[in-house]
Amino acid sequence: MTGLERVLCALRGEPADRRAFTLTLSLYGARLTDCPVREYFTVPRRYLEGQREVVRLLDPDILFTPFVLPFEALAYGGEEVWLDRFAPNVRKPPFRDPALAEPLGEGLLIDPGVGYLLESTRLLAGKFGDRKPVCAVVTAPVDLPAMLLGIETWLEILLFDPERSAALMHLAEDHFLRLTAALFDAGATFVAVPVMFANLRLVTPALLESFI
């Protein structure tokens, strides 16, 4: 059976030749191909080469697109930081003043970092999509403002300024819909959405249930 068939069996509650499994091996391909991290996360062809080695070594039933959520925030400015053994991150958020955050709009899809995510997805789906589901990892709308404004600023808005938090969430949802649509067009089978601000150490149960 293929990975795709195993995953479909799991979803349907049907038997398969073995249990479907996967691991988040986005970064592993860089080490397996001796590719510098900065090149790996900027050249889609190198990402595909890395994931080919992941398949050869571990053969997971689901493959992941590049796990680089900060590229979504960096599409709107800010300062990035590259580390030798990790994906890039946001050093300085794009917006210091929440009032300056503008509608996120069409420009998202022409940013080089987002372009890398889309092209890597297209290459991965073209090579493996008929056998293995390709999962795109996308920032949750409630988490994106933390990267655009900084965690402390967004947390304060989220807890104490419901009108502004609702406006920022609307912009983040627009961003999310544009990006996920583009990823599906590029061949993603489904998306995974980690949600940092669903953590009850950060927010109240009432806020989680009613808003997040």
C-alpha atoms as a PDB file:
ATOM      1  CA  MET A   1       0.000   0.000   0.000  1.00  0.00           C
ATOM      2  CA  THR A   2       1.058   3.591  -0.516  1.00  0.00           C
ATOM      3  CA  GLY A   3       1.232   6.151   2.262  1.00  0.00           C
ATOM      4  CA  LEU A   4      -1.815   7.864   0.775  1.00  0.00           C
ATOM      5  CA  GLU A   5      -3.792   4.615   0.902  1.00  0.00           C
ATOM      6  CA  ARG A   6      -2.780   3.997   4.524  1.00  0.00           C
ATOM      7  CA  VAL A   7      -3.825   7.478   5.580  1.00  0.00           C
ATOM      8  CA  LEU A   8      -7.177   7.113   3.797  1.00  0.00           C
ATOM      9  CA  CYS A   9      -7.721   3.769   5.537  1.00  0.00           C
ATOM     10  CA  ALA A  10      -7.022   5.418   8.897  1.00  0.00           C
ATOM     11  CA  LEU A  11      -9.541   8.166   8.140  1.00  0.00           C
ATOM     12  CA  ARG A  12     -12.173   5.625   7.114  1.00  0.00           C
ATOM     13  CA  GLY A  13     -11.497   3.214   9.963  1.00  0.00           C
ATOM     14  CA  GLU A  14     -10.512   0.498   7.511  1.00  0.00           C
ATOM     15  CA  PRO A  15      -7.681  -2.061   7.876  1.00  0.00           C
ATOM     16  CA  ALA A  16      -4.317  -1.475   6.188  1.00  0.00           C
ATOM     17  CA  ASP A  17      -1.091  -3.424   5.791  1.00  0.00           C
ATOM     18  CA  ARG A  18       0.321  -1.433   8.721  1.00  0.00           C
ATOM     19  CA  ARG A  19      -0.522   1.645  10.751  1.00  0.00           C
ATOM     20  CA  ALA A  20       0.130   4.931   8.956  1.00  0.00           C
ATOM     21  CA  PHE A  21       2.873   7.017  10.539  1.00  0.00           C
ATOM     22  CA  THR A  22       4.761  10.238  10.001  1.00  0.00           C
ATOM     23  CA  LEU A  23       7.275  12.527  11.695  1.00  0.00           C
ATOM     24  CA  THR A  24       7.904  16.240  11.198  1.00  0.00           C
ATOM     25  CA  LEU A  25      11.097  15.826   9.191  1.00  0.00           C
ATOM     26  CA  SER A  26      11.162  19.166   7.403  1.00  0.00           C
ATOM     27  CA  LEU A  27      14.604  20.172   8.724  1.00  0.00           C
ATOM     28  CA  TYR A  28      16.132  16.695   8.595  1.00  0.00           C
ATOM     29  CA  GLY A  29      16.645  16.855   4.835  1.00  0.00           C
ATOM     30  CA  ALA A  30      19.268  19.576   5.231  1.00  0.00           C
ATOM     31  CA  ARG A  31      21.493  17.344   7.355  1.00  0.00           C
ATOM     32  CA  LEU A  32      20.866  14.283   5.204  1.00  0.00           C
ATOM     33  CA  THR A  33      22.058  16.133   2.090  1.00  0.00           C
ATOM     34  CA  ASP A  34      24.788  18.224   3.790  1.00  0.00           C
ATOM     35  CA  CYS A  35      22.975  21.347   2.615  1.00  0.00           C
ATOM     36  CA  PRO A  36      23.512  24.637   4.488  1.00  0.00           C
ATOM     37  CA  VAL A  37      20.293  25.588   6.272  1.00  0.00           C
ATOM     38  CA  ARG A  38      20.068  28.972   4.567  1.00  0.00           C
ATOM     39  CA  GLU A  39      20.283  27.354   1.130  1.00  0.00           C
ATOM     40  CA  TYR A  40      17.894  24.581   2.129  1.00  0.00           C
ATOM     41  CA  PHE A  41      15.251  27.097   3.174  1.00  0.00           C
ATOM     42  CA  THR A  42      15.618  29.410   0.183  1.00  0.00           C
ATOM     43  CA  VAL A  43      16.115  27.046  -2.793  1.00  0.00           C
ATOM     44  CA  PRO A  44      13.040  24.815  -3.353  1.00  0.00           C
ATOM     45  CA  ARG A  45      15.020  22.250  -5.346  1.00  0.00           C
ATOM     46  CA  ARG A  46      17.313  21.682  -2.358  1.00  0.00           C
ATOM     47  CA  TYR A  47      14.311  21.142  -0.099  1.00  0.00           C
ATOM     48  CA  LEU A  48      13.012  18.486  -2.500  1.00  0.00           C
ATOM     49  CA  GLU A  49      16.417  16.790  -2.508  1.00  0.00           C
ATOM     50  CA  GLY A  50      16.358  16.705   1.281  1.00  0.00           C
ATOM     51  CA  GLN A  51      12.903  15.186   1.413  1.00  0.00           C
ATOM     52  CA  ARG A  52      13.917  12.542  -1.114  1.00  0.00           C
ATOM     53  CA  GLU A  53      16.538  11.448   1.421  1.00  0.00           C
ATOM     54  CA  VAL A  54      13.934  11.505   4.192  1.00  0.00           C
ATOM     55  CA  VAL A  55      11.792   9.150   2.107  1.00  0.00           C
ATOM     56  CA  ARG A  56      14.757   6.907   1.344  1.00  0.00           C
ATOM     57  CA  LEU A  57      15.769   6.653   5.003  1.00  0.00           C
ATOM     58  CA  LEU A  58      12.429   6.570   6.872  1.00  0.00           C
ATOM     59  CA  ASP A  59       9.636   6.364   4.263  1.00  0.00           C
ATOM     60  CA  PRO A  60       6.997   8.293   6.267  1.00  0.00           C
ATOM     61  CA  ASP A  61       3.413   8.080   5.035  1.00  0.00           C
ATOM     62  CA  ILE A  62       2.959  11.883   5.105  1.00  0.00           C
ATOM     63  CA  LEU A  63       5.489  14.462   3.935  1.00  0.00           C
ATOM     64  CA  PHE A  64       5.633  18.028   5.236  1.00  0.00           C
ATOM     65  CA  THR A  65       6.288  21.211   3.326  1.00  0.00           C
ATOM     66  CA  PRO A  66       8.953  23.537   4.804  1.00  0.00           C
ATOM     67  CA  PHE A  67       8.160  24.219   8.468  1.00  0.00           C
ATOM     68  CA  VAL A  68       9.102  27.909   8.384  1.00  0.00           C
ATOM     69  CA  LEU A  69       6.167  29.830   9.856  1.00  0.00           C
ATOM     70  CA  PRO A  70       8.237  33.043  10.281  1.00  0.00           C
ATOM     71  CA  PHE A  71       8.291  33.466   6.476  1.00  0.00           C
ATOM     72  CA  GLU A  72       4.628  34.438   6.750  1.00  0.00           C
ATOM     73  CA  ALA A  73       5.399  37.357   9.051  1.00  0.00           C
ATOM     74  CA  LEU A  74       8.585  38.350   7.222  1.00  0.00           C
ATOM     75  CA  ALA A  75       6.490  38.781   4.072  1.00  0.00           C
ATOM     76  CA  TYR A  76       5.345  42.071   5.653  1.00  0.00           C
ATOM     77  CA  GLY A  77       8.760  43.325   6.733  1.00  0.00           C
ATOM     78  CA  GLY A  78      10.623  42.897   9.974  1.00  0.00           C
ATOM     79  CA  GLU A  79      14.100  41.566  10.505  1.00  0.00           C
ATOM     80  CA  GLU A  80      15.024  37.915  10.111  1.00  0.00           C
ATOM     81  CA  VAL A  81      17.675  35.893  11.880  1.00  0.00           C
ATOM     82  CA  TRP A  82      19.342  32.774  10.477  1.00  0.00           C
ATOM     83  CA  LEU A  83      20.831  30.077  12.695  1.00  0.00           C
ATOM     84  CA  ASP A  84      23.201  27.324  11.595  1.00  0.00           C
ATOM     85  CA  ARG A  85      21.007  24.374  12.552  1.00  0.00           C
ATOM     86  CA  PHE A  86      17.491  25.790  12.599  1.00  0.00           C
ATOM     87  CA  ALA A  87      14.937  27.396  10.345  1.00  0.00           C
ATOM     88  CA  PRO A  88      15.014  31.225  10.238  1.00  0.00           C
ATOM     89  CA  ASN A  89      13.084  33.269  12.764  1.00  0.00           C
ATOM     90  CA  VAL A  90      11.772  36.801  13.250  1.00  0.00           C
ATOM     91  CA  ARG A  91      14.302  38.969  15.087  1.00  0.00           C
ATOM     92  CA  LYS A  92      12.241  42.182  14.963  1.00  0.00           C
ATOM     93  CA  PRO A  93       8.502  42.184  14.219  1.00  0.00           C
ATOM     94  CA  PRO A  94       7.315  44.125  11.161  1.00  0.00           C
ATOM     95  CA  PHE A  95       5.027  46.420  13.186  1.00  0.00           C
ATOM     96  CA  ARG A  96       5.912  48.153  16.440  1.00  0.00           C
ATOM     97  CA  ASP A  97       2.620  50.074  16.578  1.00  0.00           C
ATOM     98  CA  PRO A  98      -0.553  47.995  16.156  1.00  0.00           C
ATOM     99  CA  ALA A  99      -2.207  50.969  14.481  1.00  0.00           C
ATOM    100  CA  LEU A 100       0.280  50.694  11.600  1.00  0.00           C
ATOM    101  CA  ALA A 101      -0.654  47.121  10.709  1.00  0.00           C
ATOM    102  CA  GLU A 102      -2.424  47.371   7.356  1.00  0.00           C
ATOM    103  CA  PRO A 103      -4.625  44.864   5.532  1.00  0.00           C
ATOM    104  CA  LEU A 104      -2.284  42.103   4.488  1.00  0.00           C
ATOM    105  CA  GLY A 105      -3.568  41.792   0.932  1.00  0.00           C
ATOM    106  CA  GLU A 106      -2.288  40.316  -2.296  1.00  0.00           C
ATOM    107  CA  GLY A 107       1.374  41.181  -1.700  1.00  0.00           C
ATOM    108  CA  LEU A 108       1.759  38.072   0.455  1.00  0.00           C
ATOM    109  CA  LEU A 109       1.930  35.763  -2.547  1.00  0.00           C
ATOM    110  CA  ILE A 110       4.766  37.596  -4.321  1.00  0.00           C
ATOM    111  CA  ASP A 111       7.103  37.632  -1.315  1.00  0.00           C
ATOM    112  CA  PRO A 112      10.267  35.517  -1.931  1.00  0.00           C
ATOM    113  CA  GLY A 113       9.893  33.583   1.316  1.00  0.00           C
ATOM    114  CA  VAL A 114       6.274  32.695   0.631  1.00  0.00           C
ATOM    115  CA  GLY A 115       7.196  31.946  -2.981  1.00  0.00           C
ATOM    116  CA  TYR A 116       9.734  29.441  -1.648  1.00  0.00           C
ATOM    117  CA  LEU A 117       7.008  27.757   0.427  1.00  0.00           C
ATOM    118  CA  LEU A 118       4.697  27.499  -2.569  1.00  0.00           C
ATOM    119  CA  GLU A 119       7.333  26.236  -4.998  1.00  0.00           C
ATOM    120  CA  SER A 120       8.632  23.680  -2.491  1.00  0.00           C
ATOM    121  CA  THR A 121       5.067  22.439  -2.083  1.00  0.00           C
ATOM    122  CA  ARG A 122       4.659  22.207  -5.851  1.00  0.00           C
ATOM    123  CA  LEU A 123       7.879  20.205  -6.253  1.00  0.00           C
ATOM    124  CA  LEU A 124       7.076  17.906  -3.340  1.00  0.00           C
ATOM    125  CA  ALA A 125       3.546  17.225  -4.620  1.00  0.00           C
ATOM    126  CA  GLY A 126       4.825  16.663  -8.134  1.00  0.00           C
ATOM    127  CA  LYS A 127       7.336  14.077  -6.973  1.00  0.00           C
ATOM    128  CA  PHE A 128       5.427  12.283  -4.212  1.00  0.00           C
ATOM    129  CA  GLY A 129       1.812  13.472  -4.189  1.00  0.00           C
ATOM    130  CA  ASP A 130       0.408  10.433  -5.974  1.00  0.00           C
ATOM    131  CA  ARG A 131       1.831   8.173  -3.229  1.00  0.00           C
ATOM    132  CA  LYS A 132       2.087  10.282  -0.092  1.00  0.00           C
ATOM    133  CA  PRO A 133      -0.115  13.094   1.234  1.00  0.00           C
ATOM    134  CA  VAL A 134       1.720  16.423   1.330  1.00  0.00           C
ATOM    135  CA  CYS A 135       0.933  18.400   4.465  1.00  0.00           C
ATOM    136  CA  ALA A 136       1.502  22.167   4.422  1.00  0.00           C
ATOM    137  CA  VAL A 137       2.159  23.776   7.810  1.00  0.00           C
ATOM    138  CA  VAL A 138       0.467  27.171   8.209  1.00  0.00           C
ATOM    139  CA  THR A 139       0.396  29.747  11.004  1.00  0.00           C
ATOM    140  CA  ALA A 140      -2.883  29.920  12.911  1.00  0.00           C
ATOM    141  CA  PRO A 141      -4.663  33.268  12.490  1.00  0.00           C
ATOM    142  CA  VAL A 142      -4.516  33.845  16.251  1.00  0.00           C
ATOM    143  CA  ASP A 143      -0.722  33.338  16.235  1.00  0.00           C
ATOM    144  CA  LEU A 144       0.210  35.480  13.228  1.00  0.00           C
ATOM    145  CA  PRO A 145      -0.232  38.833  15.051  1.00  0.00           C
ATOM    146  CA  ALA A 146       2.296  37.656  17.659  1.00  0.00           C
ATOM    147  CA  MET A 147       4.917  37.467  14.901  1.00  0.00           C
ATOM    148  CA  LEU A 148       3.766  40.746  13.341  1.00  0.00           C
ATOM    149  CA  LEU A 149       3.695  42.742  16.601  1.00  0.00           C
ATOM    150  CA  GLY A 150       5.611  40.724  19.181  1.00  0.00           C
ATOM    151  CA  ILE A 151       4.164  38.245  21.672  1.00  0.00           C
ATOM    152  CA  GLU A 152       3.747  40.651  24.576  1.00  0.00           C
ATOM    153  CA  THR A 153       2.014  43.308  22.475  1.00  0.00           C
ATOM    154  CA  TRP A 154      -0.390  40.818  20.927  1.00  0.00           C
ATOM    155  CA  LEU A 155      -1.146  39.172  24.263  1.00  0.00           C
ATOM    156  CA  GLU A 156      -2.007  42.536  25.811  1.00  0.00           C
ATOM    157  CA  ILE A 157      -4.313  43.366  22.885  1.00  0.00           C
ATOM    158  CA  LEU A 158      -5.899  39.930  22.976  1.00  0.00           C
ATOM    159  CA  LEU A 159      -6.662  40.178  26.691  1.00  0.00           C
ATOM    160  CA  PHE A 160      -7.637  43.831  27.042  1.00  0.00           C
ATOM    161  CA  ASP A 161      -8.633  45.324  23.673  1.00  0.00           C
ATOM    162  CA  PRO A 162     -11.350  43.173  22.085  1.00  0.00           C
ATOM    163  CA  GLU A 163     -12.123  45.637  19.279  1.00  0.00           C
ATOM    164  CA  ARG A 164      -8.522  45.845  18.055  1.00  0.00           C
ATOM    165  CA  SER A 165      -7.928  42.115  18.539  1.00  0.00           C
ATOM    166  CA  ALA A 166     -10.987  41.355  16.399  1.00  0.00           C
ATOM    167  CA  ALA A 167      -9.710  43.689  13.655  1.00  0.00           C
ATOM    168  CA  LEU A 168      -6.258  42.089  13.676  1.00  0.00           C
ATOM    169  CA  MET A 169      -7.773  38.617  13.650  1.00  0.00           C
ATOM    170  CA  HIS A 170      -9.810  39.573  10.586  1.00  0.00           C
ATOM    171  CA  LEU A 171      -6.596  40.551   8.775  1.00  0.00           C
ATOM    172  CA  ALA A 172      -4.873  37.362   9.898  1.00  0.00           C
ATOM    173  CA  GLU A 173      -7.797  35.244   8.706  1.00  0.00           C
ATOM    174  CA  ASP A 174      -7.617  36.920   5.294  1.00  0.00           C
ATOM    175  CA  HIS A 175      -3.908  36.095   5.170  1.00  0.00           C
ATOM    176  CA  PHE A 176      -4.632  32.487   6.208  1.00  0.00           C
ATOM    177  CA  LEU A 177      -7.262  31.991   3.502  1.00  0.00           C
ATOM    178  CA  ARG A 178      -5.056  33.443   0.767  1.00  0.00           C
ATOM    179  CA  LEU A 179      -2.061  31.353   1.744  1.00  0.00           C
ATOM    180  CA  THR A 180      -3.903  28.072   2.234  1.00  0.00           C
ATOM    181  CA  ALA A 181      -5.682  28.502  -1.107  1.00  0.00           C
ATOM    182  CA  ALA A 182      -2.317  29.029  -2.809  1.00  0.00           C
ATOM    183  CA  LEU A 183      -0.841  25.975  -1.065  1.00  0.00           C
ATOM    184  CA  PHE A 184      -3.755  23.794  -2.184  1.00  0.00           C
ATOM    185  CA  ASP A 185      -3.302  25.129  -5.714  1.00  0.00           C
ATOM    186  CA  ALA A 186       0.371  24.119  -5.458  1.00  0.00           C
ATOM    187  CA  GLY A 187      -0.623  20.545  -4.620  1.00  0.00           C
ATOM    188  CA  ALA A 188      -0.887  20.319  -0.820  1.00  0.00           C
ATOM    189  CA  THR A 189      -3.211  17.505   0.275  1.00  0.00           C
ATOM    190  CA  PHE A 190      -4.128  19.141   3.582  1.00  0.00           C
ATOM    191  CA  VAL A 191      -2.791  21.704   6.047  1.00  0.00           C
ATOM    192  CA  ALA A 192      -1.677  21.430   9.658  1.00  0.00           C
ATOM    193  CA  VAL A 193      -2.190  24.439  11.919  1.00  0.00           C
ATOM    194  CA  PRO A 194      -0.253  24.501  15.201  1.00  0.00           C
ATOM    195  CA  VAL A 195      -1.906  26.952  17.613  1.00  0.00           C
ATOM    196  CA  MET A 196       0.362  28.510  20.234  1.00  0.00           C
ATOM    197  CA  PHE A 197      -2.333  30.803  21.636  1.00  0.00           C
ATOM    198  CA  ALA A 198      -4.567  27.874  22.525  1.00  0.00           C
ATOM    199  CA  ASN A 199      -2.277  27.396  25.538  1.00  0.00           C
ATOM    200  CA  LEU A 200      -4.105  28.042  28.819  1.00  0.00           C
ATOM    201  CA  ARG A 201      -0.851  29.295  30.324  1.00  0.00           C
ATOM    202  CA  LEU A 202      -1.200  32.276  27.986  1.00  0.00           C
ATOM    203  CA  VAL A 203      -4.945  32.886  27.719  1.00  0.00           C
ATOM    204  CA  THR A 204      -8.037  32.371  29.834  1.00  0.00           C
ATOM    205  CA  PRO A 205     -10.454  29.487  29.249  1.00  0.00           C
ATOM    206  CA  ALA A 206     -13.230  31.973  28.406  1.00  0.00           C
ATOM    207  CA  LEU A 207     -11.092  33.701  25.755  1.00  0.00           C
ATOM    208  CA  LEU A 208     -10.077  30.365  24.289  1.00  0.00           C
ATOM    209  CA  GLU A 209     -13.668  29.176  24.008  1.00  0.00           C
ATOM    210  CA  SER A 210     -15.325  32.385  22.842  1.00  0.00           C
ATOM    211  CA  PHE A 211     -12.697  33.935  20.574  1.00  0.00           C
ATOM    212  CA  ILE A 212      -9.738  31.723  19.735  1.00  0.00           C
END
